[in-house]
Structures are given as C-alpha cells and as structure tokens.
Amino acid sequence: MVIAGWKDKFSLVVIYSTLIGLCIVVIFPLLYVISVSLTPYSQVLKHGGFLIFPREITLSAYKAFLNDGMIPHAFSVTVFITVVGTFINLLLTSMMAYPLTKRYLPGRNVFLLLIVFTTLFGGGMIPTYLIVKATGLLDTVWAMIIPAAIGSFNLLVMKAFFENLPESLDEAARIDGAGETSILVRIVLPLSLPIMATVGLFYAVGHWNEFFAAIIYISDRELHPLQVILQTILRSTQNPEQLNVEETLPTVSLQMAAVVITALPIICVYPFIQQYFTKGVLLGSVKG
C-alpha cells in the first residue's frame, strides 16, 4: 500500500510538472508579443530583444493601426464574413450531416466516400478560381464565404456527434408526427450545442483569419478583410515613402501589435465556449 501510494504521488508530480511546463511554453510567446507591442523599441533593444514584462508602456503601434482609415472598414468586413459565414457554415453543415446519419438514405455510402475523398484531395487553386469567376462571386464578400461553406472534416465530426444521440428520440418524435426537418430543428440541434460551438469556433477562426481567399478573389480594396489590410500596412513600413513611421515605429513593434489586434477577439470569445469545446471534440470524434 505504501509503494502504491508513493507511485500515485510520483505520477501526480510528473503530470503536474509536465502541465506547468506546457503552460509556460504557451504563455511565454504571448507575453513576449504583448510586451514588445507595448514597449518602446529602444527598451526592447536595451534588454537584448527579449522582454516578458513591459517597464515602459506606449500605444504608438496600436495608434498607427487605428489612425489608418482602412482599419475600421476592414474590421467591419471581417466581422461580417465571420458572423454571416459561420452562420451559413453551421446551417449547411448540420443540414448535410444529419441525413448522412441515416443508414436508409439512398446513396449514403457514395456521399460519404466523396466527402472523405475531398479531405485527401483538393480541386486545385485554378479550377476553384474559375468556378468562383463563373458564378459571379469575384470582388464580392461572398467569395470568402461560399466556396468554403462546408468543411469536410467539420462535417464528419458533426455527423459522428449526431450518431451518438439516442435513436429513441427520433422514433418518439416520428410517432408524434414530426418530420425530419422538425426533428432536426426541435430535437437534434438543441441537444447538439457542444458540437455546434466546437465546429462554429473552427469556422469562425478560419473566417477571422481570412487572407488567402481575399488576395485571390478580391481586387477591390474596399472589400479587403482586416488581415489583408494589416499585412499591407506592415509591408508599407518597409518603405518610408509610403508610410512615414519607420523612425519611431520599427516593423517589429507593428508586427507584434498586429498579432495582438487579430488574436484578441478570438481569445476573448474562447473562454465562453471552452466548456463545450472539449465535450464537442470528444463526442464528435468517437462514435459510441
């Protein structure tokens, strides 16, 4: 008994030490980014380029971004594609995942095979561009939403979660005269809050960090999302003729401020859905 108790204590020490080490590894870069963005660059150089806690605080880097007239408009574009895009993603993904849980669906195995195939092979950038062009989505915000309306991985995770729900609920609803749409809206979706929050977070982060689709499909600068505008500002700091902030605001300070600006909204939202995130991933990844 003494040996068993000692082994348990040793295991706890190892586990907690490992977790503390991992927390330090994760928190250190965050503290560094925030500190550099708030500290005058002369002080950063004075401390050898490594600064964890700022001793002098300046908001010059953040003011440089906020004073740019394109930032508020780009922020509104990003919020629009994140909110509307995530809603469309969840709507279409749930409407496709639910029928695929029914074994009596004609052609179910064929659909699943095609979905799995798309997780391994993509259509390619040029064919996708031609499709977006043919459908008239170029230079519209919908070009950053519609082509990625359903993610194959998220669809399979949501399908697995739906399959874990008791079939007796569907049977009882059908006995009461409910149709498939009514069952999905009134029974399945209210019980699927964990997976909806999890998949919604995946989609929202993707929309919030939208960059590649914007530079490929959007040529109108008025429709560029926040990530593209921030990258443009950072690139212009390397040319003093375009943006005269090189002397007081080095590129490093602006880069760190850009990281904080883009990551802060997602970091603020995550704690509110964290309780659903773990449960959604676990139940949606393994079918019981």
Protein backbone atom coordinates (compact mmCIF):
# COMPACT_ATOMS: atom_id res chain seq x y z
CA MET A 1 0.00 0.00 0.00
CA VAL A 2 2.86 2.36 0.83
CA ILE A 3 4.55 1.63 -2.50
CA ALA A 4 1.27 2.13 -4.40
CA GLY A 5 0.66 5.44 -2.63
CA TRP A 6 4.20 6.61 -3.41
CA LYS A 7 3.75 5.72 -7.08
CA ASP A 8 0.48 7.66 -7.24
CA LYS A 9 2.11 10.74 -5.73
CA PHE A 10 5.08 10.47 -8.09
CA SER A 11 2.71 10.18 -11.07
CA LEU A 12 0.83 13.31 -9.96
CA VAL A 13 4.10 15.20 -9.59
CA VAL A 14 5.16 14.20 -13.11
CA ILE A 15 1.75 15.09 -14.59
CA TYR A 16 1.52 18.49 -12.90
CA SER A 17 5.15 19.30 -13.71
CA THR A 18 4.50 18.48 -17.36
CA LEU A 19 1.35 20.61 -17.43
CA ILE A 20 3.14 23.54 -15.79
CA GLY A 21 5.95 23.23 -18.33
CA LEU A 22 3.48 23.21 -21.22
CA CYS A 23 1.69 26.27 -19.78
CA ILE A 24 4.99 28.14 -19.62
CA VAL A 25 5.77 27.18 -23.22
CA VAL A 26 2.37 28.50 -24.34
CA ILE A 27 2.25 31.64 -22.19
CA PHE A 28 5.83 32.81 -22.82
CA PRO A 29 5.30 33.72 -26.53
CA LEU A 30 2.04 35.52 -25.68
CA LEU A 31 3.71 37.63 -23.00
CA TYR A 32 6.58 38.39 -25.34
CA VAL A 33 4.27 39.54 -28.15
CA ILE A 34 2.19 41.76 -25.85
CA SER A 35 5.27 43.24 -24.15
CA VAL A 36 7.05 44.11 -27.39
CA SER A 37 3.90 45.71 -28.80
CA LEU A 38 3.56 47.93 -25.70
CA THR A 39 7.23 48.74 -25.10
CA PRO A 40 9.31 51.39 -26.92
CA TYR A 41 11.64 49.59 -29.28
CA SER A 42 14.69 51.23 -27.69
CA GLN A 43 13.83 49.48 -24.43
CA VAL A 44 13.38 46.19 -26.27
CA LEU A 45 16.87 46.51 -27.73
CA LYS A 46 18.22 47.54 -24.33
CA HIS A 47 17.06 44.20 -22.91
CA GLY A 48 18.61 42.22 -25.76
CA GLY A 49 15.38 41.76 -27.69
CA PHE A 50 13.74 39.59 -25.02
CA LEU A 51 11.19 41.31 -22.82
CA ILE A 52 8.49 39.50 -20.88
CA PHE A 53 7.06 42.32 -18.75
CA PRO A 54 6.99 45.88 -20.14
CA ARG A 55 8.63 48.53 -17.97
CA GLU A 56 7.62 51.45 -20.17
CA ILE A 57 4.30 51.40 -21.98
CA THR A 58 3.50 53.11 -25.26
CA LEU A 59 0.47 52.68 -27.50
CA SER A 60 2.14 54.15 -30.58
CA ALA A 61 2.00 50.91 -32.56
CA TYR A 62 -1.71 50.50 -31.90
CA LYS A 63 -2.39 54.16 -32.73
CA ALA A 64 -0.60 53.74 -36.05
CA PHE A 65 -3.05 50.99 -36.99
CA LEU A 66 -6.18 52.69 -35.64
CA ASN A 67 -5.32 56.01 -37.31
CA ASP A 68 -5.33 54.30 -40.69
CA GLY A 69 -8.71 54.96 -42.28
CA MET A 70 -8.96 51.47 -43.74
CA ILE A 71 -8.77 49.64 -40.43
CA PRO A 72 -12.36 50.32 -39.17
CA HIS A 73 -13.82 49.42 -42.57
CA ALA A 74 -11.68 46.28 -42.85
CA PHE A 75 -12.70 45.33 -39.33
CA SER A 76 -16.38 45.58 -40.30
CA VAL A 77 -15.75 43.39 -43.36
CA THR A 78 -14.03 40.77 -41.21
CA VAL A 79 -16.85 40.83 -38.65
CA PHE A 80 -19.41 40.40 -41.46
CA ILE A 81 -17.71 37.40 -43.08
CA THR A 82 -17.09 35.87 -39.65
CA VAL A 83 -20.64 36.19 -38.35
CA VAL A 84 -22.54 35.56 -41.59
CA GLY A 85 -20.05 32.98 -42.84
CA THR A 86 -20.12 30.99 -39.60
CA PHE A 87 -23.92 31.02 -39.60
CA ILE A 88 -24.02 29.71 -43.19
CA ASN A 89 -21.35 27.12 -42.36
CA LEU A 90 -23.27 25.76 -39.37
CA LEU A 91 -26.58 25.79 -41.23
CA LEU A 92 -25.36 23.91 -44.29
CA THR A 93 -23.05 21.57 -42.37
CA SER A 94 -25.80 20.49 -39.96
CA MET A 95 -28.32 20.08 -42.79
CA MET A 96 -25.89 17.79 -44.62
CA ALA A 97 -24.55 15.91 -41.59
CA TYR A 98 -27.96 14.92 -40.22
CA PRO A 99 -29.20 12.99 -43.30
CA LEU A 100 -25.86 11.17 -43.53
CA THR A 101 -26.52 9.62 -40.11
CA LYS A 102 -29.50 7.71 -41.57
CA ARG A 103 -28.49 4.30 -42.89
CA TYR A 104 -31.58 4.14 -45.08
CA LEU A 105 -30.50 7.23 -47.07
CA PRO A 106 -30.12 6.22 -50.75
CA GLY A 107 -26.51 6.57 -51.89
CA ARG A 108 -25.27 7.29 -48.35
CA ASN A 109 -22.03 5.36 -48.75
CA VAL A 110 -21.29 7.09 -52.05
CA PHE A 111 -21.75 10.52 -50.47
CA LEU A 112 -19.51 9.59 -47.55
CA LEU A 113 -16.85 8.30 -49.93
CA LEU A 114 -16.90 11.57 -51.89
CA ILE A 115 -16.68 13.60 -48.68
CA VAL A 116 -13.71 11.61 -47.41
CA PHE A 117 -12.09 11.94 -50.84
CA THR A 118 -12.20 15.75 -50.58
CA THR A 119 -10.32 15.60 -47.27
CA LEU A 120 -7.42 13.94 -49.13
CA PHE A 121 -7.51 15.70 -52.49
CA GLY A 122 -8.48 19.27 -53.38
CA GLY A 123 -9.73 20.65 -56.65
CA GLY A 124 -6.74 22.96 -57.06
CA MET A 125 -6.42 26.72 -56.98
CA ILE A 126 -7.01 27.41 -60.68
CA PRO A 127 -10.18 25.26 -61.07
CA THR A 128 -11.56 26.80 -57.87
CA TYR A 129 -10.83 30.30 -59.17
CA LEU A 130 -12.57 29.54 -62.47
CA ILE A 131 -15.64 28.27 -60.60
CA VAL A 132 -15.74 31.37 -58.40
CA LYS A 133 -15.40 33.56 -61.50
CA ALA A 134 -18.10 31.64 -63.42
CA THR A 135 -20.56 32.03 -60.54
CA GLY A 136 -20.01 35.79 -60.39
CA LEU A 137 -18.53 35.85 -56.91
CA LEU A 138 -15.33 37.71 -57.78
CA ASP A 139 -14.95 41.04 -55.95
CA THR A 140 -17.76 40.24 -53.52
CA VAL A 141 -17.62 39.27 -49.86
CA TRP A 142 -19.39 36.04 -50.78
CA ALA A 143 -16.21 34.84 -52.48
CA MET A 144 -14.75 34.50 -48.97
CA ILE A 145 -17.80 32.62 -47.66
CA ILE A 146 -19.49 30.41 -50.27
CA PRO A 147 -16.50 28.38 -51.61
CA ALA A 148 -15.77 27.13 -48.08
CA ALA A 149 -19.39 26.83 -46.94
CA ILE A 150 -18.97 23.19 -45.83
CA GLY A 151 -15.75 21.78 -44.43
CA SER A 152 -15.34 18.03 -44.90
CA PHE A 153 -13.62 17.48 -41.56
CA ASN A 154 -16.20 19.52 -39.66
CA LEU A 155 -18.98 17.68 -41.46
CA LEU A 156 -17.63 14.28 -40.41
CA VAL A 157 -17.16 15.42 -36.82
CA MET A 158 -20.72 16.75 -36.64
CA LYS A 159 -22.07 13.56 -38.26
CA ALA A 160 -20.30 11.44 -35.63
CA PHE A 161 -21.83 13.56 -32.87
CA PHE A 162 -25.33 13.22 -34.30
CA GLU A 163 -24.90 9.44 -34.44
CA ASN A 164 -24.24 9.39 -30.68
CA LEU A 165 -27.68 10.85 -29.95
CA PRO A 166 -30.25 8.24 -28.85
CA GLU A 167 -32.31 6.93 -31.75
CA SER A 168 -35.29 6.63 -29.40
CA LEU A 169 -35.67 10.42 -29.56
CA ASP A 170 -36.18 10.29 -33.33
CA GLU A 171 -38.58 7.39 -33.04
CA ALA A 172 -40.66 9.13 -30.38
CA ALA A 173 -40.81 12.30 -32.49
CA ARG A 174 -41.93 10.37 -35.57
CA ILE A 175 -44.67 8.67 -33.56
CA ASP A 176 -45.90 12.16 -32.61
CA GLY A 177 -46.00 13.06 -36.31
CA ALA A 178 -42.81 15.13 -36.58
CA GLY A 179 -40.98 15.25 -39.91
CA GLU A 180 -37.23 15.14 -40.48
CA THR A 181 -36.88 18.93 -40.55
CA SER A 182 -38.86 19.29 -37.34
CA ILE A 183 -36.74 16.61 -35.64
CA LEU A 184 -33.53 18.35 -36.69
CA VAL A 185 -34.64 21.81 -35.57
CA ARG A 186 -36.53 20.94 -32.40
CA ILE A 187 -34.64 17.93 -31.07
CA VAL A 188 -31.23 17.34 -32.65
CA LEU A 189 -29.86 20.89 -32.77
CA PRO A 190 -30.86 21.84 -29.18
CA LEU A 191 -29.07 18.71 -27.95
CA SER A 192 -26.02 19.43 -30.12
CA LEU A 193 -24.85 22.68 -28.53
CA PRO A 194 -21.34 21.29 -27.73
CA ILE A 195 -20.60 20.25 -31.32
CA MET A 196 -22.20 23.39 -32.74
CA ALA A 197 -19.97 25.54 -30.53
CA THR A 198 -16.89 23.48 -31.43
CA VAL A 199 -17.44 23.45 -35.17
CA GLY A 200 -18.58 27.07 -35.04
CA LEU A 201 -15.27 28.02 -33.42
CA PHE A 202 -13.34 26.22 -36.16
CA TYR A 203 -15.28 28.05 -38.85
CA ALA A 204 -15.13 31.43 -37.08
CA VAL A 205 -11.36 31.30 -36.61
CA GLY A 206 -10.95 30.45 -40.28
CA HIS A 207 -13.12 33.40 -41.36
CA TRP A 208 -11.46 35.79 -38.90
CA ASN A 209 -8.02 34.91 -40.27
CA GLU A 210 -9.18 35.06 -43.89
CA PHE A 211 -6.28 36.13 -46.08
CA PHE A 212 -5.60 33.78 -48.99
CA ALA A 213 -9.12 33.87 -50.48
CA ALA A 214 -9.16 37.67 -50.18
CA ILE A 215 -5.95 38.21 -52.15
CA ILE A 216 -7.03 35.66 -54.79
CA TYR A 217 -10.67 36.65 -55.35
CA ILE A 218 -10.85 40.29 -54.20
CA SER A 219 -9.19 43.15 -56.10
CA ASP A 220 -11.35 45.92 -54.62
CA ARG A 221 -9.52 47.25 -51.56
CA GLU A 222 -12.82 48.32 -50.01
CA LEU A 223 -13.68 44.63 -49.58
CA HIS A 224 -10.36 43.52 -48.11
CA PRO A 225 -10.65 41.99 -44.62
CA LEU A 226 -8.58 43.00 -41.62
CA GLN A 227 -5.75 40.53 -42.20
CA VAL A 228 -5.02 41.85 -45.69
CA ILE A 229 -5.04 45.50 -44.59
CA LEU A 230 -2.74 44.78 -41.64
CA GLN A 231 -0.34 42.96 -43.94
CA THR A 232 -0.42 45.92 -46.34
CA ILE A 233 0.40 48.35 -43.53
CA LEU A 234 3.25 46.18 -42.29
CA ARG A 235 4.67 45.95 -45.79
CA SER A 236 4.42 49.72 -46.25
CA THR A 237 6.51 50.32 -43.10
CA GLN A 238 9.47 48.97 -45.04
CA ASN A 239 9.09 51.86 -47.47
CA PRO A 240 9.24 55.24 -45.67
CA GLU A 241 7.80 56.99 -48.74
CA GLN A 242 4.52 55.09 -48.31
CA LEU A 243 4.12 55.34 -44.54
CA ASN A 244 6.45 57.57 -42.57
CA VAL A 245 6.60 55.64 -39.29
CA GLU A 246 9.94 53.91 -39.77
CA GLU A 247 11.88 56.13 -37.36
CA THR A 248 9.58 55.83 -34.35
CA LEU A 249 7.77 52.58 -35.07
CA PRO A 250 10.00 49.75 -36.25
CA THR A 251 8.44 46.90 -38.15
CA VAL A 252 8.86 44.55 -35.18
CA SER A 253 6.63 46.70 -32.94
CA LEU A 254 3.96 46.93 -35.63
CA GLN A 255 4.11 43.19 -36.25
CA MET A 256 3.53 42.40 -32.59
CA ALA A 257 0.69 44.92 -32.38
CA ALA A 258 -0.90 43.34 -35.45
CA VAL A 259 -0.72 39.90 -33.81
CA VAL A 260 -2.46 41.23 -30.69
CA ILE A 261 -5.17 43.03 -32.68
CA THR A 262 -6.02 39.95 -34.74
CA ALA A 263 -5.80 37.39 -31.92
CA LEU A 264 -7.51 39.32 -29.13
CA PRO A 265 -11.16 38.89 -30.29
CA ILE A 266 -10.81 35.10 -30.61
CA ILE A 267 -9.03 34.88 -27.24
CA CYS A 268 -11.88 36.83 -25.63
CA VAL A 269 -14.56 34.60 -27.16
CA TYR A 270 -12.91 31.23 -26.44
CA PRO A 271 -13.42 31.17 -22.62
CA PHE A 272 -17.20 31.41 -23.09
CA ILE A 273 -17.37 28.29 -25.29
CA GLN A 274 -14.45 26.39 -23.78
CA GLN A 275 -16.81 24.27 -21.65
CA TYR A 276 -18.48 23.00 -24.84
CA PHE A 277 -15.28 22.72 -26.88
CA THR A 278 -13.72 19.68 -25.18
CA LYS A 279 -17.02 17.81 -24.94
CA GLY A 280 -17.84 18.52 -28.58
CA VAL A 281 -14.47 17.31 -29.85
CA LEU A 282 -14.57 14.11 -27.78
CA LEU A 283 -18.14 13.14 -28.60
CA GLY A 284 -17.79 14.16 -32.24
CA SER A 285 -14.59 12.22 -32.83
CA VAL A 286 -15.52 8.82 -31.42
CA LYS A 287 -18.78 7.05 -32.08
CA GLY A 288 -20.04 5.13 -29.07
